[in-house]
PDB file of N, CA and C in Angstrom:
ATOM      1  N   UNK A   1       7.974  51.370  23.798  1.00  0.00           N
ATOM      2  CA  UNK A   1       7.407  50.037  23.807  1.00  0.00           C
ATOM      3  C   UNK A   1       6.048  50.020  23.108  1.00  0.00           C
ATOM      4  N   UNK A   2       5.239  51.031  23.356  1.00  0.00           N
ATOM      5  CA  UNK A   2       3.917  51.096  22.751  1.00  0.00           C
ATOM      6  C   UNK A   2       4.037  51.288  21.239  1.00  0.00           C
ATOM      7  N   UNK A   3       5.005  52.071  20.809  1.00  0.00           N
ATOM      8  CA  UNK A   3       5.196  52.294  19.376  1.00  0.00           C
ATOM      9  C   UNK A   3       5.597  51.001  18.675  1.00  0.00           C
ATOM     10  N   UNK A   4       6.442  50.207  19.325  1.00  0.00           N
ATOM     11  CA  UNK A   4       6.854  48.922  18.736  1.00  0.00           C
ATOM     12  C   UNK A   4       5.663  47.982  18.618  1.00  0.00           C
ATOM     13  N   UNK A   5       4.838  47.949  19.655  1.00  0.00           N
ATOM     14  CA  UNK A   5       3.662  47.088  19.658  1.00  0.00           C
ATOM     15  C   UNK A   5       2.682  47.516  18.578  1.00  0.00           C
ATOM     16  N   UNK A   6       2.455  48.804  18.461  1.00  0.00           N
ATOM     17  CA  UNK A   6       1.547  49.304  17.431  1.00  0.00           C
ATOM     18  C   UNK A   6       2.094  49.075  16.026  1.00  0.00           C
ATOM     19  N   UNK A   7       3.385  48.989  15.909  1.00  0.00           N
ATOM     20  CA  UNK A   7       4.003  48.716  14.618  1.00  0.00           C
ATOM     21  C   UNK A   7       3.925  47.223  14.260  1.00  0.00           C
ATOM     22  N   UNK A   8       4.057  46.370  15.253  1.00  0.00           N
ATOM     23  CA  UNK A   8       4.087  44.913  15.023  1.00  0.00           C
ATOM     24  C   UNK A   8       2.687  44.351  14.803  1.00  0.00           C
ATOM     25  N   UNK A   9       1.679  44.876  15.480  1.00  0.00           N
ATOM     26  CA  UNK A   9       0.311  44.346  15.363  1.00  0.00           C
ATOM     27  C   UNK A   9      -0.192  44.365  13.926  1.00  0.00           C
ATOM     28  N   UNK A  10      -0.073  45.454  13.161  1.00  0.00           N
ATOM     29  CA  UNK A  10      -0.555  45.419  11.776  1.00  0.00           C
ATOM     30  C   UNK A  10       0.184  44.393  10.908  1.00  0.00           C
ATOM     31  N   UNK A  11       1.455  44.181  11.210  1.00  0.00           N
ATOM     32  CA  UNK A  11       2.210  43.183  10.443  1.00  0.00           C
ATOM     33  C   UNK A  11       1.635  41.796  10.683  1.00  0.00           C
ATOM     34  N   UNK A  12       1.378  41.471  11.954  1.00  0.00           N
ATOM     35  CA  UNK A  12       0.797  40.163  12.246  1.00  0.00           C
ATOM     36  C   UNK A  12      -0.607  40.024  11.663  1.00  0.00           C
ATOM     37  N   UNK A  13      -1.391  41.084  11.710  1.00  0.00           N
ATOM     38  CA  UNK A  13      -2.719  41.043  11.110  1.00  0.00           C
ATOM     39  C   UNK A  13      -2.632  40.835   9.596  1.00  0.00           C
ATOM     40  N   UNK A  14      -1.692  41.507   8.987  1.00  0.00           N
ATOM     41  CA  UNK A  14      -1.515  41.358   7.542  1.00  0.00           C
ATOM     42  C   UNK A  14      -1.118  39.932   7.170  1.00  0.00           C
ATOM     43  N   UNK A  15      -0.176  39.380   7.918  1.00  0.00           N
ATOM     44  CA  UNK A  15       0.274  38.008   7.643  1.00  0.00           C
ATOM     45  C   UNK A  15      -0.817  36.987   7.956  1.00  0.00           C
ATOM     46  N   UNK A  16      -1.568  37.232   9.009  1.00  0.00           N
ATOM     47  CA  UNK A  16      -2.616  36.291   9.395  1.00  0.00           C
ATOM     48  C   UNK A  16      -3.803  36.305   8.452  1.00  0.00           C
ATOM     49  N   UNK A  17      -4.067  37.429   7.847  1.00  0.00           N
ATOM     50  CA  UNK A  17      -5.227  37.560   6.970  1.00  0.00           C
ATOM     51  C   UNK A  17      -4.872  37.451   5.494  1.00  0.00           C
ATOM     52  N   UNK A  18      -3.640  37.154   5.206  1.00  0.00           N
ATOM     53  CA  UNK A  18      -3.256  37.046   3.799  1.00  0.00           C
ATOM     54  C   UNK A  18      -3.938  35.846   3.165  1.00  0.00           C
ATOM     55  N   UNK A  19      -4.159  35.913   1.885  1.00  0.00           N
ATOM     56  CA  UNK A  19      -4.829  34.832   1.195  1.00  0.00           C
ATOM     57  C   UNK A  19      -3.861  33.679   1.007  1.00  0.00           C
ATOM     58  N   UNK A  20      -4.387  32.512   1.137  1.00  0.00           N
ATOM     59  CA  UNK A  20      -3.598  31.304   0.952  1.00  0.00           C
ATOM     60  C   UNK A  20      -4.149  30.582  -0.262  1.00  0.00           C
ATOM     61  N   UNK A  21      -3.263  29.955  -0.978  1.00  0.00           N
ATOM     62  CA  UNK A  21      -3.702  29.217  -2.160  1.00  0.00           C
ATOM     63  C   UNK A  21      -4.338  27.913  -1.711  1.00  0.00           C
ATOM     64  N   UNK A  22      -5.597  27.794  -1.960  1.00  0.00           N
ATOM     65  CA  UNK A  22      -6.348  26.616  -1.559  1.00  0.00           C
ATOM     66  C   UNK A  22      -6.910  25.971  -2.811  1.00  0.00           C
ATOM     67  N   UNK A  23      -6.647  24.701  -2.964  1.00  0.00           N
ATOM     68  CA  UNK A  23      -7.204  23.978  -4.099  1.00  0.00           C
ATOM     69  C   UNK A  23      -8.407  23.180  -3.613  1.00  0.00           C
ATOM     70  N   UNK A  24      -9.381  23.896  -3.137  1.00  0.00           N
ATOM     71  CA  UNK A  24     -10.572  23.286  -2.574  1.00  0.00           C
ATOM     72  C   UNK A  24     -11.626  23.174  -3.666  1.00  0.00           C
ATOM     73  N   UNK A  25     -12.014  21.973  -3.982  1.00  0.00           N
ATOM     74  CA  UNK A  25     -12.962  21.770  -5.077  1.00  0.00           C
ATOM     75  C   UNK A  25     -14.258  21.199  -4.519  1.00  0.00           C
ATOM     76  N   UNK A  26     -15.173  22.056  -4.269  1.00  0.00           N
ATOM     77  CA  UNK A  26     -16.484  21.613  -3.830  1.00  0.00           C
ATOM     78  C   UNK A  26     -17.517  22.080  -4.829  1.00  0.00           C
ATOM     79  N   UNK A  27     -18.604  21.383  -4.855  1.00  0.00           N
ATOM     80  CA  UNK A  27     -19.743  21.735  -5.686  1.00  0.00           C
ATOM     81  C   UNK A  27     -19.400  21.790  -7.170  1.00  0.00           C
ATOM     82  N   UNK A  28     -18.557  20.891  -7.602  1.00  0.00           N
ATOM     83  CA  UNK A  28     -18.296  20.768  -9.031  1.00  0.00           C
ATOM     84  C   UNK A  28     -19.401  19.919  -9.650  1.00  0.00           C
ATOM     85  N   UNK A  29     -19.578  20.047 -10.924  1.00  0.00           N
ATOM     86  CA  UNK A  29     -20.542  19.191 -11.609  1.00  0.00           C
ATOM     87  C   UNK A  29     -19.941  17.793 -11.725  1.00  0.00           C
ATOM     88  N   UNK A  30     -20.791  16.840 -12.016  1.00  0.00           N
ATOM     89  CA  UNK A  30     -20.322  15.467 -12.171  1.00  0.00           C
ATOM     90  C   UNK A  30     -19.326  15.356 -13.322  1.00  0.00           C
ATOM     91  N   UNK A  31     -19.585  16.090 -14.394  1.00  0.00           N
ATOM     92  CA  UNK A  31     -18.670  16.070 -15.536  1.00  0.00           C
ATOM     93  C   UNK A  31     -17.310  16.673 -15.163  1.00  0.00           C
ATOM     94  N   UNK A  32     -17.316  17.704 -14.347  1.00  0.00           N
ATOM     95  CA  UNK A  32     -16.055  18.306 -13.902  1.00  0.00           C
ATOM     96  C   UNK A  32     -15.244  17.331 -13.056  1.00  0.00           C
ATOM     97  N   UNK A  33     -15.927  16.608 -12.160  1.00  0.00           N
ATOM     98  CA  UNK A  33     -15.224  15.589 -11.374  1.00  0.00           C
ATOM     99  C   UNK A  33     -14.672  14.505 -12.282  1.00  0.00           C
ATOM    100  N   UNK A  34     -15.451  14.104 -13.274  1.00  0.00           N
ATOM    101  CA  UNK A  34     -15.016  13.067 -14.220  1.00  0.00           C
ATOM    102  C   UNK A  34     -13.752  13.516 -14.957  1.00  0.00           C
ATOM    103  N   UNK A  35     -13.730  14.734 -15.438  1.00  0.00           N
ATOM    104  CA  UNK A  35     -12.540  15.258 -16.117  1.00  0.00           C
ATOM    105  C   UNK A  35     -11.350  15.359 -15.165  1.00  0.00           C
ATOM    106  N   UNK A  36     -11.629  15.724 -13.924  1.00  0.00           N
ATOM    107  CA  UNK A  36     -10.562  15.836 -12.931  1.00  0.00           C
ATOM    108  C   UNK A  36      -9.944  14.460 -12.664  1.00  0.00           C
ATOM    109  N   UNK A  37     -10.765  13.445 -12.557  1.00  0.00           N
ATOM    110  CA  UNK A  37     -10.273  12.080 -12.363  1.00  0.00           C
ATOM    111  C   UNK A  37      -9.468  11.634 -13.578  1.00  0.00           C
ATOM    112  N   UNK A  38      -9.973  11.958 -14.764  1.00  0.00           N
ATOM    113  CA  UNK A  38      -9.278  11.611 -15.998  1.00  0.00           C
ATOM    114  C   UNK A  38      -7.894  12.259 -16.054  1.00  0.00           C
ATOM    115  N   UNK A  39      -7.821  13.532 -15.692  1.00  0.00           N
ATOM    116  CA  UNK A  39      -6.525  14.238 -15.676  1.00  0.00           C
ATOM    117  C   UNK A  39      -5.586  13.626 -14.642  1.00  0.00           C
ATOM    118  N   UNK A  40      -6.118  13.270 -13.476  1.00  0.00           N
ATOM    119  CA  UNK A  40      -5.287  12.632 -12.451  1.00  0.00           C
ATOM    120  C   UNK A  40      -4.717  11.310 -12.951  1.00  0.00           C
ATOM    121  N   UNK A  41      -5.533  10.550 -13.660  1.00  0.00           N
ATOM    122  CA  UNK A  41      -5.063   9.272 -14.189  1.00  0.00           C
ATOM    123  C   UNK A  41      -4.024   9.480 -15.285  1.00  0.00           C
ATOM    124  N   UNK A  42      -4.208  10.494 -16.101  1.00  0.00           N
ATOM    125  CA  UNK A  42      -3.217  10.794 -17.136  1.00  0.00           C
ATOM    126  C   UNK A  42      -1.875  11.183 -16.528  1.00  0.00           C
ATOM    127  N   UNK A  43      -1.914  11.877 -15.397  1.00  0.00           N
ATOM    128  CA  UNK A  43      -0.691  12.321 -14.732  1.00  0.00           C
ATOM    129  C   UNK A  43      -0.155  11.275 -13.752  1.00  0.00           C
ATOM    130  N   UNK A  44      -0.746  10.086 -13.755  1.00  0.00           N
ATOM    131  CA  UNK A  44      -0.362   8.991 -12.860  1.00  0.00           C
ATOM    132  C   UNK A  44      -0.452   9.376 -11.389  1.00  0.00           C
ATOM    133  N   UNK A  45      -1.402  10.206 -11.061  1.00  0.00           N
ATOM    134  CA  UNK A  45      -1.641  10.621  -9.689  1.00  0.00           C
ATOM    135  C   UNK A  45      -2.850   9.840  -9.163  1.00  0.00           C
ATOM    136  N   UNK A  46      -2.624   8.578  -8.847  1.00  0.00           N
ATOM    137  CA  UNK A  46      -3.730   7.690  -8.488  1.00  0.00           C
ATOM    138  C   UNK A  46      -4.346   8.037  -7.133  1.00  0.00           C
ATOM    139  N   UNK A  47      -3.539   8.509  -6.205  1.00  0.00           N
ATOM    140  CA  UNK A  47      -4.099   8.877  -4.905  1.00  0.00           C
ATOM    141  C   UNK A  47      -5.097  10.023  -5.041  1.00  0.00           C
ATOM    142  N   UNK A  48      -4.741  11.011  -5.836  1.00  0.00           N
ATOM    143  CA  UNK A  48      -5.661  12.134  -6.056  1.00  0.00           C
ATOM    144  C   UNK A  48      -6.890  11.682  -6.835  1.00  0.00           C
ATOM    145  N   UNK A  49      -6.703  10.762  -7.772  1.00  0.00           N
ATOM    146  CA  UNK A  49      -7.841  10.234  -8.530  1.00  0.00           C
ATOM    147  C   UNK A  49      -8.806   9.502  -7.602  1.00  0.00           C
ATOM    148  N   UNK A  50      -8.264   8.748  -6.649  1.00  0.00           N
ATOM    149  CA  UNK A  50      -9.120   8.058  -5.681  1.00  0.00           C
ATOM    150  C   UNK A  50      -9.914   9.062  -4.846  1.00  0.00           C
ATOM    151  N   UNK A  51      -9.240  10.119  -4.393  1.00  0.00           N
ATOM    152  CA  UNK A  51      -9.919  11.143  -3.597  1.00  0.00           C
ATOM    153  C   UNK A  51     -10.989  11.862  -4.410  1.00  0.00           C
ATOM    154  N   UNK A  52     -10.677  12.145  -5.659  1.00  0.00           N
ATOM    155  CA  UNK A  52     -11.661  12.817  -6.511  1.00  0.00           C
ATOM    156  C   UNK A  52     -12.850  11.907  -6.799  1.00  0.00           C
ATOM    157  N   UNK A  53     -12.597  10.611  -6.927  1.00  0.00           N
ATOM    158  CA  UNK A  53     -13.694   9.670  -7.140  1.00  0.00           C
ATOM    159  C   UNK A  53     -14.612   9.632  -5.918  1.00  0.00           C
ATOM    160  N   UNK A  54     -14.022   9.667  -4.740  1.00  0.00           N
ATOM    161  CA  UNK A  54     -14.829   9.695  -3.513  1.00  0.00           C
ATOM    162  C   UNK A  54     -15.692  10.958  -3.487  1.00  0.00           C
ATOM    163  N   UNK A  55     -15.114  12.066  -3.905  1.00  0.00           N
ATOM    164  CA  UNK A  55     -15.876  13.319  -3.954  1.00  0.00           C
ATOM    165  C   UNK A  55     -16.990  13.243  -4.984  1.00  0.00           C
ATOM    166  N   UNK A  56     -16.709  12.635  -6.127  1.00  0.00           N
ATOM    167  CA  UNK A  56     -17.742  12.466  -7.150  1.00  0.00           C
ATOM    168  C   UNK A  56     -18.898  11.645  -6.599  1.00  0.00           C
ATOM    169  N   UNK A  57     -18.583  10.546  -5.932  1.00  0.00           N
ATOM    170  CA  UNK A  57     -19.634   9.703  -5.358  1.00  0.00           C
ATOM    171  C   UNK A  57     -20.422  10.429  -4.275  1.00  0.00           C
ATOM    172  N   UNK A  58     -19.728  11.230  -3.491  1.00  0.00           N
ATOM    173  CA  UNK A  58     -20.405  11.929  -2.394  1.00  0.00           C
ATOM    174  C   UNK A  58     -21.331  13.023  -2.910  1.00  0.00           C
ATOM    175  N   UNK A  59     -20.875  13.760  -3.908  1.00  0.00           N
ATOM    176  CA  UNK A  59     -21.673  14.882  -4.393  1.00  0.00           C
ATOM    177  C   UNK A  59     -22.707  14.486  -5.439  1.00  0.00           C
ATOM    178  N   UNK A  60     -22.418  13.457  -6.205  1.00  0.00           N
ATOM    179  CA  UNK A  60     -23.317  13.040  -7.288  1.00  0.00           C
ATOM    180  C   UNK A  60     -23.452  11.514  -7.275  1.00  0.00           C
ATOM    181  N   UNK A  61     -24.182  10.957  -6.299  1.00  0.00           N
ATOM    182  CA  UNK A  61     -24.248   9.495  -6.166  1.00  0.00           C
ATOM    183  C   UNK A  61     -24.918   8.770  -7.330  1.00  0.00           C
ATOM    184  N   UNK A  62     -25.701   9.465  -8.126  1.00  0.00           N
ATOM    185  CA  UNK A  62     -26.368   8.799  -9.248  1.00  0.00           C
ATOM    186  C   UNK A  62     -25.787   9.238 -10.593  1.00  0.00           C
ATOM    187  N   UNK A  63     -24.551   9.676 -10.583  1.00  0.00           N
ATOM    188  CA  UNK A  63     -23.912  10.165 -11.802  1.00  0.00           C
ATOM    189  C   UNK A  63     -23.664   9.023 -12.789  1.00  0.00           C
ATOM    190  N   UNK A  64     -23.786   9.334 -14.063  1.00  0.00           N
ATOM    191  CA  UNK A  64     -23.514   8.329 -15.090  1.00  0.00           C
ATOM    192  C   UNK A  64     -22.016   8.096 -15.261  1.00  0.00           C
ATOM    193  N   UNK A  65     -21.188   8.973 -14.701  1.00  0.00           N
ATOM    194  CA  UNK A  65     -19.745   8.861 -14.862  1.00  0.00           C
ATOM    195  C   UNK A  65     -19.110   7.902 -13.862  1.00  0.00           C
ATOM    196  N   UNK A  66     -19.821   7.528 -12.834  1.00  0.00           N
ATOM    197  CA  UNK A  66     -19.277   6.625 -11.821  1.00  0.00           C
ATOM    198  C   UNK A  66     -18.920   5.286 -12.443  1.00  0.00           C
ATOM    199  N   UNK A  67     -19.776   4.787 -13.314  1.00  0.00           N
ATOM    200  CA  UNK A  67     -19.534   3.493 -13.954  1.00  0.00           C
ATOM    201  C   UNK A  67     -18.215   3.513 -14.729  1.00  0.00           C
ATOM    202  N   UNK A  68     -18.017   4.526 -15.528  1.00  0.00           N
ATOM    203  CA  UNK A  68     -16.799   4.641 -16.324  1.00  0.00           C
ATOM    204  C   UNK A  68     -15.578   4.838 -15.436  1.00  0.00           C
ATOM    205  N   UNK A  69     -15.720   5.668 -14.420  1.00  0.00           N
ATOM    206  CA  UNK A  69     -14.581   5.946 -13.548  1.00  0.00           C
ATOM    207  C   UNK A  69     -14.181   4.724 -12.725  1.00  0.00           C
ATOM    208  N   UNK A  70     -15.142   3.895 -12.348  1.00  0.00           N
ATOM    209  CA  UNK A  70     -14.796   2.653 -11.651  1.00  0.00           C
ATOM    210  C   UNK A  70     -13.904   1.776 -12.520  1.00  0.00           C
ATOM    211  N   UNK A  71     -14.249   1.638 -13.783  1.00  0.00           N
ATOM    212  CA  UNK A  71     -13.430   0.822 -14.682  1.00  0.00           C
ATOM    213  C   UNK A  71     -12.070   1.464 -14.953  1.00  0.00           C
ATOM    214  N   UNK A  72     -12.060   2.777 -15.110  1.00  0.00           N
ATOM    215  CA  UNK A  72     -10.790   3.465 -15.338  1.00  0.00           C
ATOM    216  C   UNK A  72      -9.860   3.328 -14.141  1.00  0.00           C
ATOM    217  N   UNK A  73     -10.401   3.464 -12.937  1.00  0.00           N
ATOM    218  CA  UNK A  73      -9.583   3.315 -11.737  1.00  0.00           C
ATOM    219  C   UNK A  73      -9.116   1.872 -11.565  1.00  0.00           C
ATOM    220  N   UNK A  74      -9.975   0.925 -11.914  1.00  0.00           N
ATOM    221  CA  UNK A  74      -9.573  -0.487 -11.877  1.00  0.00           C
ATOM    222  C   UNK A  74      -8.373  -0.720 -12.789  1.00  0.00           C
ATOM    223  N   UNK A  75      -8.463  -0.248 -14.024  1.00  0.00           N
ATOM    224  CA  UNK A  75      -7.375  -0.457 -14.980  1.00  0.00           C
ATOM    225  C   UNK A  75      -6.099   0.280 -14.574  1.00  0.00           C
ATOM    226  N   UNK A  76      -6.236   1.481 -14.057  1.00  0.00           N
ATOM    227  CA  UNK A  76      -5.065   2.264 -13.652  1.00  0.00           C
ATOM    228  C   UNK A  76      -4.340   1.601 -12.482  1.00  0.00           C
ATOM    229  N   UNK A  77      -5.095   1.120 -11.514  1.00  0.00           N
ATOM    230  CA  UNK A  77      -4.463   0.461 -10.367  1.00  0.00           C
ATOM    231  C   UNK A  77      -3.860  -0.883 -10.773  1.00  0.00           C
ATOM    232  N   UNK A  78      -4.475  -1.551 -11.708  1.00  0.00           N
ATOM    233  CA  UNK A  78      -3.917  -2.810 -12.178  1.00  0.00           C
ATOM    234  C   UNK A  78      -2.591  -2.571 -12.906  1.00  0.00           C
ATOM    235  N   UNK A  79      -2.536  -1.543 -13.736  1.00  0.00           N
ATOM    236  CA  UNK A  79      -1.289  -1.220 -14.434  1.00  0.00           C
ATOM    237  C   UNK A  79      -0.204  -0.767 -13.467  1.00  0.00           C
ATOM    238  N   UNK A  80      -0.602  -0.172 -12.367  1.00  0.00           N
ATOM    239  CA  UNK A  80       0.351   0.310 -11.370  1.00  0.00           C
ATOM    240  C   UNK A  80       0.706  -0.779 -10.342  1.00  0.00           C
ATOM    241  N   UNK A  81       0.224  -1.987 -10.578  1.00  0.00           N
ATOM    242  CA  UNK A  81       0.470  -3.162  -9.734  1.00  0.00           C
ATOM    243  C   UNK A  81      -0.057  -2.983  -8.315  1.00  0.00           C
ATOM    244  N   UNK A  82      -1.144  -2.253  -8.186  1.00  0.00           N
ATOM    245  CA  UNK A  82      -1.856  -2.116  -6.918  1.00  0.00           C
ATOM    246  C   UNK A  82      -3.097  -3.000  -7.018  1.00  0.00           C
ATOM    247  N   UNK A  83      -2.884  -4.285  -6.843  1.00  0.00           N
ATOM    248  CA  UNK A  83      -3.912  -5.271  -7.155  1.00  0.00           C
ATOM    249  C   UNK A  83      -5.083  -5.266  -6.173  1.00  0.00           C
ATOM    250  N   UNK A  84      -4.832  -4.937  -4.917  1.00  0.00           N
ATOM    251  CA  UNK A  84      -5.934  -4.895  -3.957  1.00  0.00           C
ATOM    252  C   UNK A  84      -6.911  -3.766  -4.289  1.00  0.00           C
ATOM    253  N   UNK A  85      -6.383  -2.607  -4.631  1.00  0.00           N
ATOM    254  CA  UNK A  85      -7.264  -1.500  -5.010  1.00  0.00           C
ATOM    255  C   UNK A  85      -7.972  -1.794  -6.333  1.00  0.00           C
ATOM    256  N   UNK A  86      -7.261  -2.405  -7.259  1.00  0.00           N
ATOM    257  CA  UNK A  86      -7.890  -2.776  -8.525  1.00  0.00           C
ATOM    258  C   UNK A  86      -9.046  -3.742  -8.272  1.00  0.00           C
ATOM    259  N   UNK A  87      -8.841  -4.691  -7.388  1.00  0.00           N
ATOM    260  CA  UNK A  87      -9.891  -5.649  -7.057  1.00  0.00           C
ATOM    261  C   UNK A  87     -11.074  -4.951  -6.375  1.00  0.00           C
ATOM    262  N   UNK A  88     -10.778  -3.973  -5.533  1.00  0.00           N
ATOM    263  CA  UNK A  88     -11.843  -3.216  -4.883  1.00  0.00           C
ATOM    264  C   UNK A  88     -12.732  -2.522  -5.911  1.00  0.00           C
ATOM    265  N   UNK A  89     -12.108  -1.824  -6.868  1.00  0.00           N
ATOM    266  CA  UNK A  89     -12.895  -1.111  -7.878  1.00  0.00           C
ATOM    267  C   UNK A  89     -13.653  -2.083  -8.783  1.00  0.00           C
ATOM    268  N   UNK A  90     -13.066  -3.221  -9.077  1.00  0.00           N
ATOM    269  CA  UNK A  90     -13.761  -4.214  -9.888  1.00  0.00           C
ATOM    270  C   UNK A  90     -14.969  -4.784  -9.138  1.00  0.00           C
ATOM    271  N   UNK A  91     -14.813  -5.038  -7.845  1.00  0.00           N
ATOM    272  CA  UNK A  91     -15.940  -5.529  -7.041  1.00  0.00           C
ATOM    273  C   UNK A  91     -17.062  -4.493  -6.967  1.00  0.00           C
ATOM    274  N   UNK A  92     -16.694  -3.224  -6.811  1.00  0.00           N
ATOM    275  CA  UNK A  92     -17.705  -2.174  -6.785  1.00  0.00           C
ATOM    276  C   UNK A  92     -18.456  -2.099  -8.119  1.00  0.00           C
ATOM    277  N   UNK A  93     -17.710  -2.218  -9.201  1.00  0.00           N
ATOM    278  CA  UNK A  93     -18.342  -2.210 -10.519  1.00  0.00           C
ATOM    279  C   UNK A  93     -19.304  -3.388 -10.646  1.00  0.00           C
ATOM    280  N   UNK A  94     -18.868  -4.560 -10.201  1.00  0.00           N
ATOM    281  CA  UNK A  94     -19.710  -5.759 -10.299  1.00  0.00           C
ATOM    282  C   UNK A  94     -20.989  -5.612  -9.485  1.00  0.00           C
ATOM    283  N   UNK A  95     -20.876  -5.082  -8.274  1.00  0.00           N
ATOM    284  CA  UNK A  95     -22.053  -4.916  -7.414  1.00  0.00           C
ATOM    285  C   UNK A  95     -23.084  -3.969  -8.020  1.00  0.00           C
ATOM    286  N   UNK A  96     -22.602  -2.890  -8.617  1.00  0.00           N
ATOM    287  CA  UNK A  96     -23.508  -1.835  -9.055  1.00  0.00           C
ATOM    288  C   UNK A  96     -23.989  -1.970 -10.495  1.00  0.00           C
ATOM    289  N   UNK A  97     -23.091  -2.349 -11.401  1.00  0.00           N
ATOM    290  CA  UNK A  97     -23.393  -2.171 -12.815  1.00  0.00           C
ATOM    291  C   UNK A  97     -23.285  -3.424 -13.687  1.00  0.00           C
ATOM    292  N   UNK A  98     -22.741  -4.496 -13.183  1.00  0.00           N
ATOM    293  CA  UNK A  98     -22.477  -5.647 -14.041  1.00  0.00           C
ATOM    294  C   UNK A  98     -23.765  -6.332 -14.471  1.00  0.00           C
ATOM    295  N   UNK A  99     -23.858  -6.576 -15.760  1.00  0.00           N
ATOM    296  CA  UNK A  99     -24.967  -7.351 -16.300  1.00  0.00           C
ATOM    297  C   UNK A  99     -24.531  -8.795 -16.473  1.00  0.00           C
ATOM    298  N   UNK A 100     -25.452  -9.622 -16.913  1.00  0.00           N
ATOM    299  CA  UNK A 100     -25.158 -11.043 -17.065  1.00  0.00           C
ATOM    300  C   UNK A 100     -24.047 -11.298 -18.088  1.00  0.00           C
ATOM    301  N   UNK A 101     -23.959 -10.458 -19.102  1.00  0.00           N
ATOM    302  CA  UNK A 101     -22.936 -10.646 -20.124  1.00  0.00           C
ATOM    303  C   UNK A 101     -21.549 -10.244 -19.649  1.00  0.00           C
ATOM    304  N   UNK A 102     -21.477  -9.404 -18.631  1.00  0.00           N
ATOM    305  CA  UNK A 102     -20.177  -8.932 -18.145  1.00  0.00           C
ATOM    306  C   UNK A 102     -19.575  -9.806 -17.048  1.00  0.00           C
ATOM    307  N   UNK A 103     -20.369 -10.659 -16.442  1.00  0.00           N
ATOM    308  CA  UNK A 103     -19.896 -11.483 -15.331  1.00  0.00           C
ATOM    309  C   UNK A 103     -18.703 -12.358 -15.733  1.00  0.00           C
ATOM    310  N   UNK A 104     -18.713 -13.028 -16.878  1.00  0.00           N
ATOM    311  CA  UNK A 104     -17.530 -13.827 -17.237  1.00  0.00           C
ATOM    312  C   UNK A 104     -16.253 -12.989 -17.365  1.00  0.00           C
ATOM    313  N   UNK A 105     -16.364 -11.800 -17.939  1.00  0.00           N
ATOM    314  CA  UNK A 105     -15.200 -10.925 -18.051  1.00  0.00           C
ATOM    315  C   UNK A 105     -14.694 -10.506 -16.671  1.00  0.00           C
ATOM    316  N   UNK A 106     -15.612 -10.196 -15.773  1.00  0.00           N
ATOM    317  CA  UNK A 106     -15.234  -9.780 -14.420  1.00  0.00           C
ATOM    318  C   UNK A 106     -14.568 -10.938 -13.678  1.00  0.00           C
ATOM    319  N   UNK A 107     -15.120 -12.123 -13.816  1.00  0.00           N
ATOM    320  CA  UNK A 107     -14.507 -13.282 -13.159  1.00  0.00           C
ATOM    321  C   UNK A 107     -13.109 -13.550 -13.720  1.00  0.00           C
ATOM    322  N   UNK A 108     -12.949 -13.384 -15.022  1.00  0.00           N
ATOM    323  CA  UNK A 108     -11.632 -13.547 -15.633  1.00  0.00           C
ATOM    324  C   UNK A 108     -10.657 -12.513 -15.076  1.00  0.00           C
ATOM    325  N   UNK A 109     -11.101 -11.272 -14.940  1.00  0.00           N
ATOM    326  CA  UNK A 109     -10.232 -10.217 -14.413  1.00  0.00           C
ATOM    327  C   UNK A 109      -9.847 -10.492 -12.956  1.00  0.00           C
ATOM    328  N   UNK A 110     -10.766 -11.049 -12.182  1.00  0.00           N
ATOM    329  CA  UNK A 110     -10.451 -11.386 -10.793  1.00  0.00           C
ATOM    330  C   UNK A 110      -9.397 -12.495 -10.728  1.00  0.00           C
ATOM    331  N   UNK A 111      -9.536 -13.488 -11.585  1.00  0.00           N
ATOM    332  CA  UNK A 111      -8.534 -14.556 -11.636  1.00  0.00           C
ATOM    333  C   UNK A 111      -7.187 -13.989 -12.066  1.00  0.00           C
ATOM    334  N   UNK A 112      -7.219 -13.118 -13.059  1.00  0.00           N
ATOM    335  CA  UNK A 112      -5.994 -12.486 -13.539  1.00  0.00           C
ATOM    336  C   UNK A 112      -5.335 -11.658 -12.439  1.00  0.00           C
ATOM    337  N   UNK A 113      -6.132 -10.897 -11.688  1.00  0.00           N
ATOM    338  CA  UNK A 113      -5.595 -10.106 -10.583  1.00  0.00           C
ATOM    339  C   UNK A 113      -4.945 -10.981  -9.522  1.00  0.00           C
ATOM    340  N   UNK A 114      -5.622 -12.072  -9.178  1.00  0.00           N
ATOM    341  CA  UNK A 114      -5.056 -12.981  -8.170  1.00  0.00           C
ATOM    342  C   UNK A 114      -3.766 -13.614  -8.665  1.00  0.00           C
ATOM    343  N   UNK A 115      -3.713 -13.968  -9.946  1.00  0.00           N
ATOM    344  CA  UNK A 115      -2.491 -14.539 -10.505  1.00  0.00           C
ATOM    345  C   UNK A 115      -1.365 -13.512 -10.481  1.00  0.00           C
ATOM    346  N   UNK A 116      -1.644 -12.300 -10.919  1.00  0.00           N
ATOM    347  CA  UNK A 116      -0.616 -11.259 -10.928  1.00  0.00           C
ATOM    348  C   UNK A 116      -0.158 -10.913  -9.519  1.00  0.00           C
ATOM    349  N   UNK A 117      -1.095 -10.905  -8.593  1.00  0.00           N
ATOM    350  CA  UNK A 117      -0.762 -10.636  -7.192  1.00  0.00           C
ATOM    351  C   UNK A 117       0.162 -11.726  -6.655  1.00  0.00           C
ATOM    352  N   UNK A 118      -0.155 -12.964  -6.968  1.00  0.00           N
ATOM    353  CA  UNK A 118       0.662 -14.090  -6.524  1.00  0.00           C
ATOM    354  C   UNK A 118       2.017 -14.088  -7.237  1.00  0.00           C
ATOM    355  N   UNK A 119       2.000 -13.778  -8.520  1.00  0.00           N
ATOM    356  CA  UNK A 119       3.218 -13.795  -9.328  1.00  0.00           C
ATOM    357  C   UNK A 119       4.205 -12.730  -8.877  1.00  0.00           C
ATOM    358  N   UNK A 120       3.705 -11.584  -8.403  1.00  0.00           N
ATOM    359  CA  UNK A 120       4.577 -10.487  -7.993  1.00  0.00           C
ATOM    360  C   UNK A 120       4.865 -10.472  -6.489  1.00  0.00           C
ATOM    361  N   UNK A 121       4.372 -11.463  -5.779  1.00  0.00           N
ATOM    362  CA  UNK A 121       4.578 -11.492  -4.321  1.00  0.00           C
ATOM    363  C   UNK A 121       5.979 -11.874  -3.950  1.00  0.00           C
TER     364      UNK A 121
END
């Protein structure tokens, strides 16, 4: 019995301590997050792009890439017919970065989103 136990314990230790593949991305640069979001959008992986955008905002709140990524996520969600998320990203862009010249375009996009949302309901 003792020999069996001594034989089984190293196996469990080996299995318990084995390395696991973890795709944990912390402490990336703002540019790395931007590229990661871009790749997610190219692969039509919008959920991962949203998560990566949240990470970009959390780690680099004053990044110059946030402005571009907000618009990219808005357009990607609009093309994917996820109008509520598209509207969310457009509102965030308007709050943070919209100038006086961009307000008419943003208002037009909001009307367009509401029309498309109603049209596809």
